[in-house]
């Protein structure tokens, strides 16, 4: 079995990262700055990861986060 290079991420991890990038866009559209949105996602990454695996769309997760 070939080893992955350290910089390679699996498809699931890449999907989560891309999902978070979309969430960031909705948080910014809701009034946060880019820095605020990124900081919030970083601080609440476990919660956002749960939302990702629960099947929420990025828009739904952002709305929950802004509520």
C-alpha atoms as a PDB file:
ATOM      1  CA  UNK A   1       0.000   0.000   0.000  1.00  0.00           C
ATOM      2  CA  UNK A   2       1.452   3.331  -1.037  1.00  0.00           C
ATOM      3  CA  UNK A   3       1.817   6.011   1.593  1.00  0.00           C
ATOM      4  CA  UNK A   4       0.113   9.330   1.072  1.00  0.00           C
ATOM      5  CA  UNK A   5       2.225  12.423   0.915  1.00  0.00           C
ATOM      6  CA  UNK A   6       1.704  14.579   4.036  1.00  0.00           C
ATOM      7  CA  UNK A   7       0.046  17.358   2.037  1.00  0.00           C
ATOM      8  CA  UNK A   8      -2.562  15.041   0.469  1.00  0.00           C
ATOM      9  CA  UNK A   9      -6.012  15.057   2.037  1.00  0.00           C
ATOM     10  CA  UNK A  10      -8.661  12.409   1.554  1.00  0.00           C
ATOM     11  CA  UNK A  11     -11.885  13.189  -0.289  1.00  0.00           C
ATOM     12  CA  UNK A  12     -13.964  13.401   2.887  1.00  0.00           C
ATOM     13  CA  UNK A  13     -11.611  15.930   4.476  1.00  0.00           C
ATOM     14  CA  UNK A  14     -11.572  18.000   1.294  1.00  0.00           C
ATOM     15  CA  UNK A  15     -15.385  17.910   1.199  1.00  0.00           C
ATOM     16  CA  UNK A  16     -15.529  19.203   4.788  1.00  0.00           C
ATOM     17  CA  UNK A  17     -13.028  21.981   4.035  1.00  0.00           C
ATOM     18  CA  UNK A  18     -14.966  23.061   0.938  1.00  0.00           C
ATOM     19  CA  UNK A  19     -18.219  22.931   2.918  1.00  0.00           C
ATOM     20  CA  UNK A  20     -16.681  25.208   5.586  1.00  0.00           C
ATOM     21  CA  UNK A  21     -15.555  27.623   2.883  1.00  0.00           C
ATOM     22  CA  UNK A  22     -19.161  27.815   1.703  1.00  0.00           C
ATOM     23  CA  UNK A  23     -20.365  28.335   5.293  1.00  0.00           C
ATOM     24  CA  UNK A  24     -17.873  31.188   5.594  1.00  0.00           C
ATOM     25  CA  UNK A  25     -19.471  32.876   2.586  1.00  0.00           C
ATOM     26  CA  UNK A  26     -22.915  32.677   4.172  1.00  0.00           C
ATOM     27  CA  UNK A  27     -21.592  34.007   7.485  1.00  0.00           C
ATOM     28  CA  UNK A  28     -20.061  36.969   5.643  1.00  0.00           C
ATOM     29  CA  UNK A  29     -23.326  37.514   3.772  1.00  0.00           C
ATOM     30  CA  UNK A  30     -25.017  37.548   7.181  1.00  0.00           C
ATOM     31  CA  UNK A  31     -22.851  40.414   8.385  1.00  0.00           C
ATOM     32  CA  UNK A  32     -19.608  38.896   9.693  1.00  0.00           C
ATOM     33  CA  UNK A  33     -16.230  39.957   8.380  1.00  0.00           C
ATOM     34  CA  UNK A  34     -14.116  37.284   6.714  1.00  0.00           C
ATOM     35  CA  UNK A  35     -11.837  37.227   9.771  1.00  0.00           C
ATOM     36  CA  UNK A  36     -14.798  36.882  12.140  1.00  0.00           C
ATOM     37  CA  UNK A  37     -16.294  34.075  10.064  1.00  0.00           C
ATOM     38  CA  UNK A  38     -13.003  32.181   9.892  1.00  0.00           C
ATOM     39  CA  UNK A  39     -12.369  32.607  13.607  1.00  0.00           C
ATOM     40  CA  UNK A  40     -15.881  31.421  14.462  1.00  0.00           C
ATOM     41  CA  UNK A  41     -15.536  28.328  12.276  1.00  0.00           C
ATOM     42  CA  UNK A  42     -12.123  27.549  13.803  1.00  0.00           C
ATOM     43  CA  UNK A  43     -13.425  27.984  17.357  1.00  0.00           C
ATOM     44  CA  UNK A  44     -16.531  25.887  16.685  1.00  0.00           C
ATOM     45  CA  UNK A  45     -15.046  23.328  14.288  1.00  0.00           C
ATOM     46  CA  UNK A  46     -16.469  20.355  16.196  1.00  0.00           C
ATOM     47  CA  UNK A  47     -19.973  21.813  15.977  1.00  0.00           C
ATOM     48  CA  UNK A  48     -19.580  22.603  12.277  1.00  0.00           C
ATOM     49  CA  UNK A  49     -18.176  19.127  11.613  1.00  0.00           C
ATOM     50  CA  UNK A  50     -21.251  17.631  13.286  1.00  0.00           C
ATOM     51  CA  UNK A  51     -23.489  19.788  11.094  1.00  0.00           C
ATOM     52  CA  UNK A  52     -21.603  18.616   8.011  1.00  0.00           C
ATOM     53  CA  UNK A  53     -22.082  14.960   8.918  1.00  0.00           C
ATOM     54  CA  UNK A  54     -25.714  15.581   9.884  1.00  0.00           C
ATOM     55  CA  UNK A  55     -26.278  16.685   6.292  1.00  0.00           C
ATOM     56  CA  UNK A  56     -26.942  20.381   6.767  1.00  0.00           C
ATOM     57  CA  UNK A  57     -26.243  22.594   3.809  1.00  0.00           C
ATOM     58  CA  UNK A  58     -23.663  25.340   4.311  1.00  0.00           C
ATOM     59  CA  UNK A  59     -26.486  27.883   4.286  1.00  0.00           C
ATOM     60  CA  UNK A  60     -28.435  25.987   6.963  1.00  0.00           C
ATOM     61  CA  UNK A  61     -25.354  25.686   9.164  1.00  0.00           C
ATOM     62  CA  UNK A  62     -24.592  29.398   8.801  1.00  0.00           C
ATOM     63  CA  UNK A  63     -28.170  30.292   9.738  1.00  0.00           C
ATOM     64  CA  UNK A  64     -27.912  28.096  12.836  1.00  0.00           C
ATOM     65  CA  UNK A  65     -24.599  29.708  13.743  1.00  0.00           C
ATOM     66  CA  UNK A  66     -26.035  33.214  13.351  1.00  0.00           C
ATOM     67  CA  UNK A  67     -29.168  32.432  15.361  1.00  0.00           C
END
